[in-house]
Amino acid sequence: MSEAEEVRNRELASPHERYDARLQRRSSTLLQRRVVEQERASIEAALDQILADDSIARAAARIVAARRRFIVGSAKSFSYASLLAFDLSAGLSQVTLIDGTVVRGIDVLSDVRSSDLMVAFSLRRYRRDTVELARRFAEAGGELVAVTDFEDAPLAKIADQCIYVATGSASYVDSPTVVASVLHVLATLTTASAKGARRRLGERDRLNTELGLYVN
């Protein structure tokens, strides 16, 4: 995405604005081509950035070193938080998804320890509940890893480690493609360096077979 396109993308803050600018009076064929081309360019640039930047590796090391790991995200970002929590919990212990029902933010904030870490997903439009929870968690002494999109995003100012993802798209919604790729790399690096991960994965396989959870 060019600098001009990036500026325009940031100006279109809401899905409604992006719909009016990008989807009206467009043929399906043209729109499909534009979306695919944009996704291809974004993922290629993101993968190059991953190789050139060690922010994901640093974040993985922080996650491994923590005693308890909390994952949070609101609205669409809750899907990203769920995906990361699911992948991390296969190889690490003490991984907790803050879902607002079983585990609430106030439950976590009432018992923050210096050895705790939170991974917070905060992508535009930035949800106030995630920003406030992450801010209070950091103020209470916990370590904060933020997955966000821009250097002036709310959590970029307070996180101990930021992972920046590009979400620009030709669609009315911001793209999840790069986010998913970054999460895949983050979960892989974290699990690869976690003590006991091999044993936990093996035990999960044994239990999956014993309980018949999957179709053969």
N, C-alpha and C. Protein backbone atom coordinates (compact mmCIF):
# COMPACT_ATOMS: atom_id res chain seq x y z
N MET A 1 0.85 -1.18 0.00
CA MET A 1 0.00 0.00 0.00
C MET A 1 0.89 1.24 0.00
N SER A 2 0.62 2.18 -0.92
CA SER A 2 1.41 3.39 -1.01
C SER A 2 1.14 4.28 0.19
N GLU A 3 2.00 5.30 0.35
CA GLU A 3 1.82 6.22 1.48
C GLU A 3 0.50 6.95 1.38
N ALA A 4 0.13 7.37 0.17
CA ALA A 4 -1.15 8.06 -0.03
C ALA A 4 -2.32 7.16 0.30
N GLU A 5 -2.24 5.90 -0.12
CA GLU A 5 -3.30 4.95 0.17
C GLU A 5 -3.39 4.68 1.67
N GLU A 6 -2.23 4.63 2.34
CA GLU A 6 -2.21 4.42 3.79
C GLU A 6 -2.90 5.57 4.51
N VAL A 7 -2.62 6.79 4.09
CA VAL A 7 -3.26 7.96 4.69
C VAL A 7 -4.76 7.90 4.47
N ARG A 8 -5.17 7.59 3.26
CA ARG A 8 -6.60 7.51 2.95
C ARG A 8 -7.26 6.39 3.75
N ASN A 9 -6.56 5.28 3.91
CA ASN A 9 -7.09 4.17 4.67
C ASN A 9 -7.35 4.57 6.12
N ARG A 10 -6.44 5.34 6.70
CA ARG A 10 -6.61 5.78 8.08
C ARG A 10 -7.73 6.80 8.22
N GLU A 11 -7.95 7.59 7.17
CA GLU A 11 -9.02 8.57 7.21
C GLU A 11 -10.40 7.91 7.21
N LEU A 12 -10.48 6.74 6.57
CA LEU A 12 -11.75 6.01 6.52
C LEU A 12 -11.86 5.16 7.78
N ALA A 13 -12.32 5.77 8.85
CA ALA A 13 -12.23 5.14 10.17
C ALA A 13 -13.27 4.06 10.40
N SER A 14 -14.44 4.18 9.82
CA SER A 14 -15.52 3.24 10.13
C SER A 14 -15.85 2.37 8.92
N PRO A 15 -16.44 1.19 9.16
CA PRO A 15 -16.86 0.33 8.05
C PRO A 15 -17.83 1.03 7.11
N HIS A 16 -18.71 1.88 7.66
CA HIS A 16 -19.66 2.60 6.82
C HIS A 16 -18.94 3.52 5.84
N GLU A 17 -17.93 4.23 6.32
CA GLU A 17 -17.16 5.12 5.44
C GLU A 17 -16.40 4.33 4.38
N ARG A 18 -15.86 3.20 4.77
CA ARG A 18 -15.12 2.39 3.81
C ARG A 18 -16.06 1.75 2.78
N TYR A 19 -17.26 1.41 3.21
CA TYR A 19 -18.24 0.86 2.27
C TYR A 19 -18.58 1.89 1.19
N ASP A 20 -18.87 3.12 1.63
CA ASP A 20 -19.22 4.17 0.67
C ASP A 20 -18.08 4.45 -0.30
N ALA A 21 -16.84 4.39 0.20
CA ALA A 21 -15.69 4.74 -0.63
C ALA A 21 -15.25 3.62 -1.55
N ARG A 22 -15.50 2.38 -1.17
CA ARG A 22 -14.88 1.27 -1.88
C ARG A 22 -15.83 0.31 -2.57
N LEU A 23 -17.04 0.16 -2.06
CA LEU A 23 -17.89 -0.91 -2.56
C LEU A 23 -19.01 -0.46 -3.47
N GLN A 24 -19.45 0.77 -3.34
CA GLN A 24 -20.57 1.21 -4.16
C GLN A 24 -20.16 1.36 -5.62
N ARG A 25 -21.07 0.93 -6.49
CA ARG A 25 -20.87 1.06 -7.94
C ARG A 25 -19.62 0.33 -8.42
N ARG A 26 -19.32 -0.80 -7.80
CA ARG A 26 -18.20 -1.62 -8.23
C ARG A 26 -18.73 -2.98 -8.71
N SER A 27 -18.19 -3.46 -9.80
CA SER A 27 -18.59 -4.78 -10.26
C SER A 27 -17.96 -5.84 -9.34
N SER A 28 -18.60 -6.98 -9.24
CA SER A 28 -18.08 -8.05 -8.39
C SER A 28 -16.71 -8.50 -8.86
N THR A 29 -16.52 -8.57 -10.17
CA THR A 29 -15.24 -9.01 -10.71
C THR A 29 -14.12 -8.05 -10.34
N LEU A 30 -14.37 -6.77 -10.50
CA LEU A 30 -13.37 -5.76 -10.17
C LEU A 30 -13.08 -5.74 -8.68
N LEU A 31 -14.14 -5.82 -7.88
CA LEU A 31 -13.97 -5.79 -6.43
C LEU A 31 -13.18 -7.00 -5.95
N GLN A 32 -13.50 -8.16 -6.48
CA GLN A 32 -12.77 -9.38 -6.09
C GLN A 32 -11.30 -9.25 -6.42
N ARG A 33 -10.98 -8.73 -7.59
CA ARG A 33 -9.59 -8.57 -7.98
C ARG A 33 -8.86 -7.60 -7.05
N ARG A 34 -9.50 -6.50 -6.73
CA ARG A 34 -8.87 -5.50 -5.87
C ARG A 34 -8.62 -6.06 -4.47
N VAL A 35 -9.59 -6.77 -3.93
CA VAL A 35 -9.42 -7.34 -2.59
C VAL A 35 -8.29 -8.36 -2.58
N VAL A 36 -8.28 -9.26 -3.55
CA VAL A 36 -7.26 -10.30 -3.61
C VAL A 36 -5.87 -9.69 -3.79
N GLU A 37 -5.75 -8.73 -4.68
CA GLU A 37 -4.45 -8.09 -4.91
C GLU A 37 -3.96 -7.38 -3.66
N GLN A 38 -4.86 -6.72 -2.95
CA GLN A 38 -4.47 -6.04 -1.72
C GLN A 38 -4.03 -7.02 -0.65
N GLU A 39 -4.76 -8.14 -0.50
CA GLU A 39 -4.40 -9.16 0.49
C GLU A 39 -3.05 -9.78 0.16
N ARG A 40 -2.82 -10.06 -1.10
CA ARG A 40 -1.54 -10.65 -1.51
C ARG A 40 -0.38 -9.70 -1.19
N ALA A 41 -0.57 -8.42 -1.51
CA ALA A 41 0.49 -7.45 -1.25
C ALA A 41 0.72 -7.29 0.26
N SER A 42 -0.36 -7.29 1.03
CA SER A 42 -0.24 -7.11 2.47
C SER A 42 0.49 -8.26 3.13
N ILE A 43 0.16 -9.48 2.74
CA ILE A 43 0.78 -10.63 3.40
C ILE A 43 2.24 -10.74 3.00
N GLU A 44 2.59 -10.42 1.76
CA GLU A 44 3.99 -10.45 1.35
C GLU A 44 4.80 -9.42 2.12
N ALA A 45 4.26 -8.22 2.28
CA ALA A 45 4.95 -7.18 3.03
C ALA A 45 5.07 -7.55 4.50
N ALA A 46 4.02 -8.17 5.04
CA ALA A 46 4.04 -8.56 6.45
C ALA A 46 5.07 -9.65 6.72
N LEU A 47 5.16 -10.62 5.85
CA LEU A 47 6.13 -11.70 6.04
C LEU A 47 7.56 -11.18 5.92
N ASP A 48 7.77 -10.23 5.00
CA ASP A 48 9.09 -9.60 4.91
C ASP A 48 9.41 -8.85 6.20
N GLN A 49 8.41 -8.17 6.75
CA GLN A 49 8.61 -7.41 7.98
C GLN A 49 8.92 -8.33 9.16
N ILE A 50 8.26 -9.48 9.21
CA ILE A 50 8.51 -10.45 10.28
C ILE A 50 9.97 -10.89 10.27
N LEU A 51 10.51 -11.13 9.07
CA LEU A 51 11.90 -11.56 8.96
C LEU A 51 12.88 -10.44 9.32
N ALA A 52 12.47 -9.20 9.08
CA ALA A 52 13.37 -8.07 9.32
C ALA A 52 13.28 -7.53 10.74
N ASP A 53 12.22 -7.88 11.45
CA ASP A 53 11.95 -7.30 12.77
C ASP A 53 11.87 -8.42 13.80
N ASP A 54 12.43 -8.20 14.99
CA ASP A 54 12.41 -9.24 16.00
C ASP A 54 11.36 -9.00 17.09
N SER A 55 10.36 -8.17 16.80
CA SER A 55 9.36 -7.87 17.82
C SER A 55 8.54 -9.10 18.21
N ILE A 56 8.26 -9.97 17.25
CA ILE A 56 7.49 -11.18 17.57
C ILE A 56 8.32 -12.12 18.43
N ALA A 57 9.59 -12.26 18.11
CA ALA A 57 10.48 -13.11 18.92
C ALA A 57 10.60 -12.57 20.34
N ARG A 58 10.70 -11.24 20.47
CA ARG A 58 10.79 -10.65 21.81
C ARG A 58 9.50 -10.86 22.59
N ALA A 59 8.38 -10.73 21.90
CA ALA A 59 7.10 -10.96 22.56
C ALA A 59 6.97 -12.41 23.00
N ALA A 60 7.41 -13.33 22.14
CA ALA A 60 7.34 -14.75 22.49
C ALA A 60 8.17 -15.05 23.73
N ALA A 61 9.36 -14.45 23.82
CA ALA A 61 10.21 -14.66 24.99
C ALA A 61 9.54 -14.14 26.25
N ARG A 62 8.85 -13.01 26.17
CA ARG A 62 8.15 -12.46 27.33
C ARG A 62 7.00 -13.39 27.76
N ILE A 63 6.30 -13.93 26.78
CA ILE A 63 5.18 -14.82 27.10
C ILE A 63 5.69 -16.09 27.79
N VAL A 64 6.77 -16.65 27.29
CA VAL A 64 7.33 -17.86 27.89
C VAL A 64 7.78 -17.59 29.32
N ALA A 65 8.38 -16.42 29.55
CA ALA A 65 8.93 -16.11 30.87
C ALA A 65 7.87 -15.81 31.91
N ALA A 66 6.68 -15.45 31.47
CA ALA A 66 5.61 -15.11 32.42
C ALA A 66 5.12 -16.34 33.16
N ARG A 67 4.56 -16.10 34.34
CA ARG A 67 4.00 -17.20 35.11
C ARG A 67 2.53 -17.45 34.73
N ARG A 68 1.79 -16.36 34.56
CA ARG A 68 0.40 -16.45 34.11
C ARG A 68 0.25 -15.57 32.88
N ARG A 69 -0.53 -16.07 31.89
CA ARG A 69 -0.71 -15.32 30.64
C ARG A 69 -2.20 -15.09 30.41
N PHE A 70 -2.56 -13.82 30.25
CA PHE A 70 -3.95 -13.45 30.00
C PHE A 70 -4.05 -12.87 28.59
N ILE A 71 -5.07 -13.30 27.86
CA ILE A 71 -5.27 -12.85 26.48
C ILE A 71 -6.61 -12.12 26.41
N VAL A 72 -6.62 -10.95 25.79
CA VAL A 72 -7.86 -10.17 25.74
C VAL A 72 -8.00 -9.46 24.41
N GLY A 73 -9.24 -9.31 23.99
CA GLY A 73 -9.60 -8.54 22.80
C GLY A 73 -11.11 -8.40 22.78
N SER A 74 -11.60 -7.32 22.21
CA SER A 74 -13.03 -7.06 22.17
C SER A 74 -13.54 -7.04 20.73
N ALA A 75 -14.83 -7.30 20.59
CA ALA A 75 -15.48 -7.28 19.28
C ALA A 75 -14.74 -8.24 18.33
N LYS A 76 -14.36 -7.76 17.14
CA LYS A 76 -13.67 -8.62 16.17
C LYS A 76 -12.36 -9.15 16.74
N SER A 77 -11.69 -8.34 17.56
CA SER A 77 -10.42 -8.76 18.13
C SER A 77 -10.56 -9.90 19.13
N PHE A 78 -11.78 -10.14 19.59
CA PHE A 78 -11.98 -11.29 20.48
C PHE A 78 -11.69 -12.59 19.73
N SER A 79 -11.95 -12.61 18.43
CA SER A 79 -11.64 -13.80 17.63
C SER A 79 -10.14 -14.04 17.58
N TYR A 80 -9.36 -12.97 17.43
CA TYR A 80 -7.91 -13.12 17.42
C TYR A 80 -7.40 -13.59 18.79
N ALA A 81 -7.97 -13.01 19.84
CA ALA A 81 -7.57 -13.41 21.20
C ALA A 81 -7.89 -14.88 21.44
N SER A 82 -9.04 -15.32 20.99
CA SER A 82 -9.43 -16.73 21.16
C SER A 82 -8.49 -17.66 20.41
N LEU A 83 -8.12 -17.27 19.20
CA LEU A 83 -7.22 -18.10 18.39
C LEU A 83 -5.86 -18.23 19.06
N LEU A 84 -5.32 -17.12 19.54
CA LEU A 84 -4.01 -17.18 20.19
C LEU A 84 -4.08 -17.98 21.48
N ALA A 85 -5.12 -17.77 22.28
CA ALA A 85 -5.26 -18.50 23.53
C ALA A 85 -5.37 -20.00 23.27
N PHE A 86 -6.11 -20.37 22.24
CA PHE A 86 -6.27 -21.79 21.91
C PHE A 86 -4.94 -22.41 21.53
N ASP A 87 -4.19 -21.73 20.66
CA ASP A 87 -2.91 -22.29 20.19
C ASP A 87 -1.87 -22.32 21.31
N LEU A 88 -1.83 -21.27 22.13
CA LEU A 88 -0.84 -21.25 23.21
C LEU A 88 -1.14 -22.29 24.28
N SER A 89 -2.41 -22.50 24.58
CA SER A 89 -2.77 -23.42 25.66
C SER A 89 -2.43 -24.86 25.35
N ALA A 90 -2.18 -25.17 24.07
CA ALA A 90 -1.79 -26.54 23.73
C ALA A 90 -0.41 -26.88 24.26
N GLY A 91 0.47 -25.88 24.36
CA GLY A 91 1.83 -26.16 24.79
C GLY A 91 2.26 -25.48 26.07
N LEU A 92 1.45 -24.54 26.58
CA LEU A 92 1.80 -23.81 27.78
C LEU A 92 0.69 -23.94 28.82
N SER A 93 1.07 -23.87 30.06
CA SER A 93 0.09 -23.82 31.14
C SER A 93 -0.22 -22.37 31.47
N GLN A 94 -1.26 -22.16 32.27
CA GLN A 94 -1.62 -20.83 32.75
C GLN A 94 -1.85 -19.83 31.61
N VAL A 95 -2.63 -20.26 30.63
CA VAL A 95 -3.07 -19.37 29.55
C VAL A 95 -4.57 -19.16 29.73
N THR A 96 -4.98 -17.91 29.92
CA THR A 96 -6.38 -17.62 30.22
C THR A 96 -6.93 -16.58 29.25
N LEU A 97 -8.04 -16.93 28.61
CA LEU A 97 -8.75 -15.99 27.75
C LEU A 97 -9.74 -15.20 28.59
N ILE A 98 -9.64 -13.88 28.55
CA ILE A 98 -10.60 -13.03 29.25
C ILE A 98 -11.81 -12.87 28.34
N ASP A 99 -12.88 -13.59 28.66
CA ASP A 99 -14.05 -13.60 27.78
C ASP A 99 -15.18 -12.72 28.28
N GLY A 100 -15.02 -12.13 29.45
CA GLY A 100 -16.05 -11.25 29.98
C GLY A 100 -17.19 -11.96 30.67
N THR A 101 -17.18 -13.28 30.64
CA THR A 101 -18.25 -14.06 31.27
C THR A 101 -17.67 -15.02 32.31
N VAL A 102 -16.93 -16.01 31.84
CA VAL A 102 -16.28 -16.94 32.78
C VAL A 102 -15.12 -16.25 33.48
N VAL A 103 -14.33 -15.55 32.71
CA VAL A 103 -13.20 -14.76 33.25
C VAL A 103 -13.45 -13.30 32.88
N ARG A 104 -13.64 -12.47 33.88
CA ARG A 104 -13.91 -11.06 33.66
C ARG A 104 -12.66 -10.23 33.92
N GLY A 105 -12.61 -9.07 33.30
CA GLY A 105 -11.48 -8.19 33.48
C GLY A 105 -11.26 -7.82 34.94
N ILE A 106 -12.35 -7.58 35.66
CA ILE A 106 -12.22 -7.19 37.07
C ILE A 106 -11.63 -8.32 37.90
N ASP A 107 -11.88 -9.57 37.51
CA ASP A 107 -11.29 -10.70 38.23
C ASP A 107 -9.77 -10.69 38.08
N VAL A 108 -9.31 -10.37 36.89
CA VAL A 108 -7.88 -10.34 36.63
C VAL A 108 -7.22 -9.14 37.32
N LEU A 109 -7.85 -7.99 37.22
CA LEU A 109 -7.27 -6.78 37.80
C LEU A 109 -7.17 -6.83 39.32
N SER A 110 -8.02 -7.62 39.95
CA SER A 110 -8.01 -7.69 41.41
C SER A 110 -6.85 -8.52 41.95
N ASP A 111 -6.08 -9.17 41.06
CA ASP A 111 -4.99 -10.02 41.53
C ASP A 111 -3.84 -10.04 40.51
N VAL A 112 -3.33 -8.87 40.17
CA VAL A 112 -2.23 -8.77 39.22
C VAL A 112 -0.91 -8.93 39.94
N ARG A 113 -0.05 -9.78 39.40
CA ARG A 113 1.28 -9.98 39.97
C ARG A 113 2.33 -9.56 38.95
N SER A 114 3.52 -9.25 39.45
CA SER A 114 4.58 -8.77 38.57
C SER A 114 5.01 -9.82 37.55
N SER A 115 4.73 -11.08 37.83
CA SER A 115 5.08 -12.17 36.92
C SER A 115 3.98 -12.46 35.89
N ASP A 116 2.89 -11.69 35.94
CA ASP A 116 1.78 -11.87 35.00
C ASP A 116 2.03 -11.10 33.71
N LEU A 117 1.45 -11.61 32.63
CA LEU A 117 1.56 -10.94 31.33
C LEU A 117 0.21 -10.95 30.64
N MET A 118 -0.09 -9.87 29.97
CA MET A 118 -1.31 -9.77 29.17
C MET A 118 -0.96 -9.51 27.72
N VAL A 119 -1.58 -10.27 26.82
CA VAL A 119 -1.52 -9.96 25.40
C VAL A 119 -2.85 -9.33 25.04
N ALA A 120 -2.82 -8.06 24.63
CA ALA A 120 -4.05 -7.33 24.32
C ALA A 120 -4.10 -7.00 22.84
N PHE A 121 -5.23 -7.34 22.21
CA PHE A 121 -5.46 -7.02 20.81
C PHE A 121 -6.27 -5.73 20.75
N SER A 122 -5.68 -4.72 20.13
CA SER A 122 -6.35 -3.43 20.05
C SER A 122 -6.12 -2.83 18.68
N LEU A 123 -7.09 -3.05 17.80
CA LEU A 123 -7.02 -2.58 16.41
C LEU A 123 -8.17 -1.61 16.18
N ARG A 124 -7.97 -0.70 15.25
CA ARG A 124 -9.02 0.30 15.06
C ARG A 124 -10.34 -0.36 14.67
N ARG A 125 -11.47 0.14 15.07
CA ARG A 125 -11.66 1.23 15.99
C ARG A 125 -11.44 0.73 17.40
N TYR A 126 -10.60 1.43 18.14
CA TYR A 126 -10.07 0.92 19.40
C TYR A 126 -11.15 0.87 20.48
N ARG A 127 -11.41 -0.34 20.96
CA ARG A 127 -12.44 -0.51 21.98
C ARG A 127 -11.94 0.02 23.33
N ARG A 128 -12.76 0.84 23.94
CA ARG A 128 -12.40 1.47 25.20
C ARG A 128 -12.18 0.43 26.30
N ASP A 129 -12.99 -0.64 26.31
CA ASP A 129 -12.87 -1.62 27.39
C ASP A 129 -11.52 -2.33 27.36
N THR A 130 -11.03 -2.67 26.16
CA THR A 130 -9.72 -3.31 26.06
C THR A 130 -8.60 -2.36 26.47
N VAL A 131 -8.67 -1.14 25.98
CA VAL A 131 -7.64 -0.16 26.31
C VAL A 131 -7.59 0.09 27.81
N GLU A 132 -8.74 0.25 28.43
CA GLU A 132 -8.78 0.54 29.86
C GLU A 132 -8.30 -0.65 30.69
N LEU A 133 -8.71 -1.85 30.31
CA LEU A 133 -8.27 -3.05 31.02
C LEU A 133 -6.76 -3.22 30.92
N ALA A 134 -6.23 -3.06 29.72
CA ALA A 134 -4.79 -3.21 29.52
C ALA A 134 -4.02 -2.13 30.28
N ARG A 135 -4.52 -0.91 30.26
CA ARG A 135 -3.85 0.18 30.97
C ARG A 135 -3.79 -0.09 32.47
N ARG A 136 -4.91 -0.51 33.04
CA ARG A 136 -4.95 -0.79 34.47
C ARG A 136 -4.08 -2.00 34.83
N PHE A 137 -4.04 -2.97 33.95
CA PHE A 137 -3.19 -4.15 34.18
C PHE A 137 -1.72 -3.73 34.24
N ALA A 138 -1.30 -2.88 33.31
CA ALA A 138 0.08 -2.39 33.30
C ALA A 138 0.38 -1.54 34.53
N GLU A 139 -0.56 -0.69 34.93
CA GLU A 139 -0.37 0.15 36.10
C GLU A 139 -0.25 -0.68 37.38
N ALA A 140 -0.91 -1.86 37.38
CA ALA A 140 -0.86 -2.73 38.55
C ALA A 140 0.43 -3.54 38.62
N GLY A 141 1.30 -3.40 37.61
CA GLY A 141 2.59 -4.08 37.64
C GLY A 141 2.73 -5.25 36.71
N GLY A 142 1.68 -5.58 35.95
CA GLY A 142 1.78 -6.67 34.99
C GLY A 142 2.48 -6.24 33.71
N GLU A 143 2.96 -7.20 32.97
CA GLU A 143 3.66 -6.92 31.71
C GLU A 143 2.64 -6.94 30.58
N LEU A 144 2.77 -6.01 29.63
CA LEU A 144 1.77 -5.88 28.57
C LEU A 144 2.42 -6.02 27.20
N VAL A 145 1.88 -6.96 26.40
CA VAL A 145 2.22 -7.09 25.00
C VAL A 145 1.00 -6.66 24.20
N ALA A 146 1.16 -5.69 23.32
CA ALA A 146 0.05 -5.19 22.53
C ALA A 146 0.19 -5.61 21.08
N VAL A 147 -0.88 -6.14 20.53
CA VAL A 147 -0.95 -6.40 19.09
C VAL A 147 -1.85 -5.31 18.53
N THR A 148 -1.26 -4.38 17.80
CA THR A 148 -1.99 -3.21 17.34
C THR A 148 -1.53 -2.83 15.94
N ASP A 149 -2.06 -1.71 15.44
CA ASP A 149 -1.82 -1.41 14.03
C ASP A 149 -0.93 -0.20 13.76
N PHE A 150 -0.98 0.81 14.64
CA PHE A 150 -0.22 2.02 14.36
C PHE A 150 0.57 2.46 15.60
N GLU A 151 1.64 3.20 15.36
CA GLU A 151 2.51 3.62 16.46
C GLU A 151 1.84 4.64 17.37
N ASP A 152 0.78 5.30 16.90
CA ASP A 152 0.06 6.24 17.75
C ASP A 152 -1.24 5.63 18.30
N ALA A 153 -1.38 4.31 18.19
CA ALA A 153 -2.55 3.62 18.76
C ALA A 153 -2.49 3.73 20.29
N PRO A 154 -3.63 3.68 20.95
CA PRO A 154 -3.66 3.88 22.40
C PRO A 154 -2.72 2.98 23.19
N LEU A 155 -2.64 1.69 22.87
CA LEU A 155 -1.82 0.78 23.67
C LEU A 155 -0.34 0.86 23.31
N ALA A 156 -0.03 1.46 22.17
CA ALA A 156 1.38 1.57 21.78
C ALA A 156 2.17 2.42 22.77
N LYS A 157 1.47 3.30 23.46
CA LYS A 157 2.14 4.22 24.38
C LYS A 157 2.48 3.56 25.72
N ILE A 158 1.80 2.48 26.05
CA ILE A 158 1.96 1.92 27.40
C ILE A 158 2.46 0.48 27.40
N ALA A 159 2.51 -0.17 26.26
CA ALA A 159 2.90 -1.59 26.21
C ALA A 159 4.40 -1.75 26.42
N ASP A 160 4.78 -2.85 27.05
CA ASP A 160 6.19 -3.21 27.18
C ASP A 160 6.75 -3.70 25.85
N GLN A 161 5.87 -4.30 25.04
CA GLN A 161 6.28 -4.79 23.72
C GLN A 161 5.10 -4.66 22.78
N CYS A 162 5.33 -4.09 21.62
CA CYS A 162 4.28 -3.96 20.61
C CYS A 162 4.59 -4.83 19.40
N ILE A 163 3.55 -5.42 18.86
CA ILE A 163 3.64 -6.09 17.57
C ILE A 163 2.68 -5.33 16.65
N TYR A 164 3.22 -4.74 15.60
CA TYR A 164 2.40 -3.96 14.69
C TYR A 164 1.98 -4.82 13.49
N VAL A 165 0.69 -4.74 13.18
CA VAL A 165 0.16 -5.50 12.06
C VAL A 165 -0.53 -4.56 11.09
N ALA A 166 -0.42 -4.87 9.80
CA ALA A 166 -1.07 -4.07 8.77
C ALA A 166 -2.44 -4.66 8.49
N THR A 167 -3.47 -3.83 8.56
CA THR A 167 -4.83 -4.33 8.37
C THR A 167 -5.53 -3.66 7.19
N GLY A 168 -4.78 -2.92 6.37
CA GLY A 168 -5.38 -2.25 5.23
C GLY A 168 -6.02 -3.24 4.26
N SER A 169 -7.13 -2.82 3.65
CA SER A 169 -7.86 -3.71 2.76
C SER A 169 -8.63 -2.90 1.73
N ALA A 170 -9.03 -3.57 0.67
CA ALA A 170 -9.90 -2.95 -0.32
C ALA A 170 -11.36 -3.18 0.03
N SER A 171 -11.61 -3.82 1.16
CA SER A 171 -12.96 -4.12 1.60
C SER A 171 -13.47 -3.04 2.54
N TYR A 172 -14.72 -3.20 2.98
CA TYR A 172 -15.30 -2.27 3.96
C TYR A 172 -14.85 -2.61 5.38
N VAL A 173 -14.26 -3.80 5.58
CA VAL A 173 -13.72 -4.18 6.88
C VAL A 173 -12.20 -4.30 6.77
N ASP A 174 -11.51 -4.00 7.87
CA ASP A 174 -10.07 -4.17 7.88
C ASP A 174 -9.71 -5.64 7.77
N SER A 175 -8.60 -5.91 7.17
CA SER A 175 -8.21 -7.28 6.85
C SER A 175 -7.72 -8.05 8.07
N PRO A 176 -8.13 -9.32 8.22
CA PRO A 176 -7.61 -10.18 9.28
C PRO A 176 -6.41 -11.00 8.85
N THR A 177 -6.01 -10.91 7.57
CA THR A 177 -5.02 -11.82 7.01
C THR A 177 -3.68 -11.72 7.70
N VAL A 178 -3.16 -10.51 7.82
CA VAL A 178 -1.86 -10.33 8.45
C VAL A 178 -1.92 -10.66 9.93
N VAL A 179 -3.02 -10.31 10.58
CA VAL A 179 -3.17 -10.62 12.01
C VAL A 179 -3.05 -12.12 12.24
N ALA A 180 -3.75 -12.91 11.44
CA ALA A 180 -3.69 -14.36 11.59
C ALA A 180 -2.29 -14.89 11.34
N SER A 181 -1.59 -14.34 10.37
CA SER A 181 -0.22 -14.78 10.09
C SER A 181 0.71 -14.48 11.25
N VAL A 182 0.59 -13.28 11.80
CA VAL A 182 1.42 -12.89 12.94
C VAL A 182 1.13 -13.78 14.14
N LEU A 183 -0.13 -14.07 14.38
CA LEU A 183 -0.48 -14.95 15.51
C LEU A 183 0.10 -16.34 15.32
N HIS A 184 0.09 -16.82 14.11
CA HIS A 184 0.65 -18.14 13.82
C HIS A 184 2.14 -18.18 14.16
N VAL A 185 2.87 -17.16 13.73
CA VAL A 185 4.30 -17.10 14.03
C VAL A 185 4.53 -16.95 15.53
N LEU A 186 3.75 -16.08 16.18
CA LEU A 186 3.91 -15.84 17.61
C LEU A 186 3.66 -17.12 18.41
N ALA A 187 2.59 -17.83 18.11
CA ALA A 187 2.28 -19.07 18.84
C ALA A 187 3.36 -20.13 18.60
N THR A 188 3.87 -20.19 17.38
CA THR A 188 4.90 -21.18 17.06
C THR A 188 6.19 -20.90 17.82
N LEU A 189 6.65 -19.66 17.80
CA LEU A 189 7.89 -19.31 18.49
C LEU A 189 7.75 -19.50 20.00
N THR A 190 6.60 -19.14 20.54
CA THR A 190 6.38 -19.29 21.98
C THR A 190 6.40 -20.75 22.40
N THR A 191 5.64 -21.56 21.69
CA THR A 191 5.53 -22.97 22.05
C THR A 191 6.86 -23.70 21.86
N ALA A 192 7.61 -23.32 20.83
CA ALA A 192 8.88 -23.98 20.54
C ALA A 192 9.89 -23.80 21.66
N SER A 193 9.80 -22.68 22.40
CA SER A 193 10.78 -22.41 23.45
C SER A 193 10.23 -22.62 24.86
N ALA A 194 9.02 -23.14 24.96
CA ALA A 194 8.40 -23.34 26.27
C ALA A 194 8.78 -24.71 26.84
N LYS A 195 9.25 -24.72 28.07
CA LYS A 195 9.57 -25.98 28.73
C LYS A 195 8.28 -26.79 28.93
N GLY A 196 8.36 -28.06 28.66
CA GLY A 196 7.21 -28.93 28.87
C GLY A 196 6.22 -28.94 27.74
N ALA A 197 6.46 -28.15 26.68
CA ALA A 197 5.50 -28.09 25.59
C ALA A 197 5.35 -29.45 24.89
N ARG A 198 6.46 -30.12 24.66
CA ARG A 198 6.40 -31.42 23.98
C ARG A 198 5.60 -32.42 24.81
N ARG A 199 5.84 -32.44 26.11
CA ARG A 199 5.11 -33.36 26.98
C ARG A 199 3.61 -33.03 26.98
N ARG A 200 3.28 -31.75 27.08
CA ARG A 200 1.87 -31.35 27.11
C ARG A 200 1.17 -31.71 25.80
N LEU A 201 1.84 -31.48 24.68
CA LEU A 201 1.25 -31.81 23.39
C LEU A 201 1.03 -33.31 23.26
N GLY A 202 2.00 -34.09 23.72
CA GLY A 202 1.85 -35.55 23.68
C GLY A 202 0.71 -36.03 24.55
N GLU A 203 0.58 -35.44 25.73
CA GLU A 203 -0.50 -35.83 26.64
C GLU A 203 -1.86 -35.44 26.07
N ARG A 204 -1.93 -34.30 25.42
CA ARG A 204 -3.19 -33.89 24.79
C ARG A 204 -3.58 -34.87 23.68
N ASP A 205 -2.59 -35.30 22.90
CA ASP A 205 -2.88 -36.28 21.84
C ASP A 205 -3.43 -37.57 22.44
N ARG A 206 -2.82 -38.01 23.54
CA ARG A 206 -3.27 -39.24 24.19
C ARG A 206 -4.71 -39.09 24.67
N LEU A 207 -5.01 -37.96 25.30
CA LEU A 207 -6.36 -37.73 25.81
C LEU A 207 -7.38 -37.56 24.68
N ASN A 208 -6.98 -36.89 23.61
CA ASN A 208 -7.88 -36.75 22.47
C ASN A 208 -8.28 -38.11 21.92
N THR A 209 -7.30 -39.02 21.83
CA THR A 209 -7.58 -40.37 21.33
C THR A 209 -8.44 -41.14 22.32
N GLU A 210 -8.07 -41.06 23.59
CA GLU A 210 -8.80 -41.80 24.62
C GLU A 210 -10.25 -41.37 24.73
N LEU A 211 -10.48 -40.06 24.58
CA LEU A 211 -11.83 -39.53 24.71
C LEU A 211 -12.61 -39.54 23.40
N GLY A 212 -11.94 -39.89 22.32
CA GLY A 212 -12.60 -39.96 21.02
C GLY A 212 -13.12 -38.61 20.53
N LEU A 213 -12.32 -37.56 20.72
CA LEU A 213 -12.80 -36.22 20.41
C LEU A 213 -12.82 -35.93 18.92
N TYR A 214 -12.02 -36.65 18.14
CA TYR A 214 -11.93 -36.35 16.72
C TYR A 214 -12.30 -37.56 15.86
N VAL A 215 -12.82 -37.28 14.67
CA VAL A 215 -13.14 -38.33 13.72
C VAL A 215 -11.83 -38.87 13.15
N ASN A 216 -11.68 -40.18 13.12
CA ASN A 216 -10.46 -40.79 12.58
C ASN A 216 -10.39 -40.60 11.07
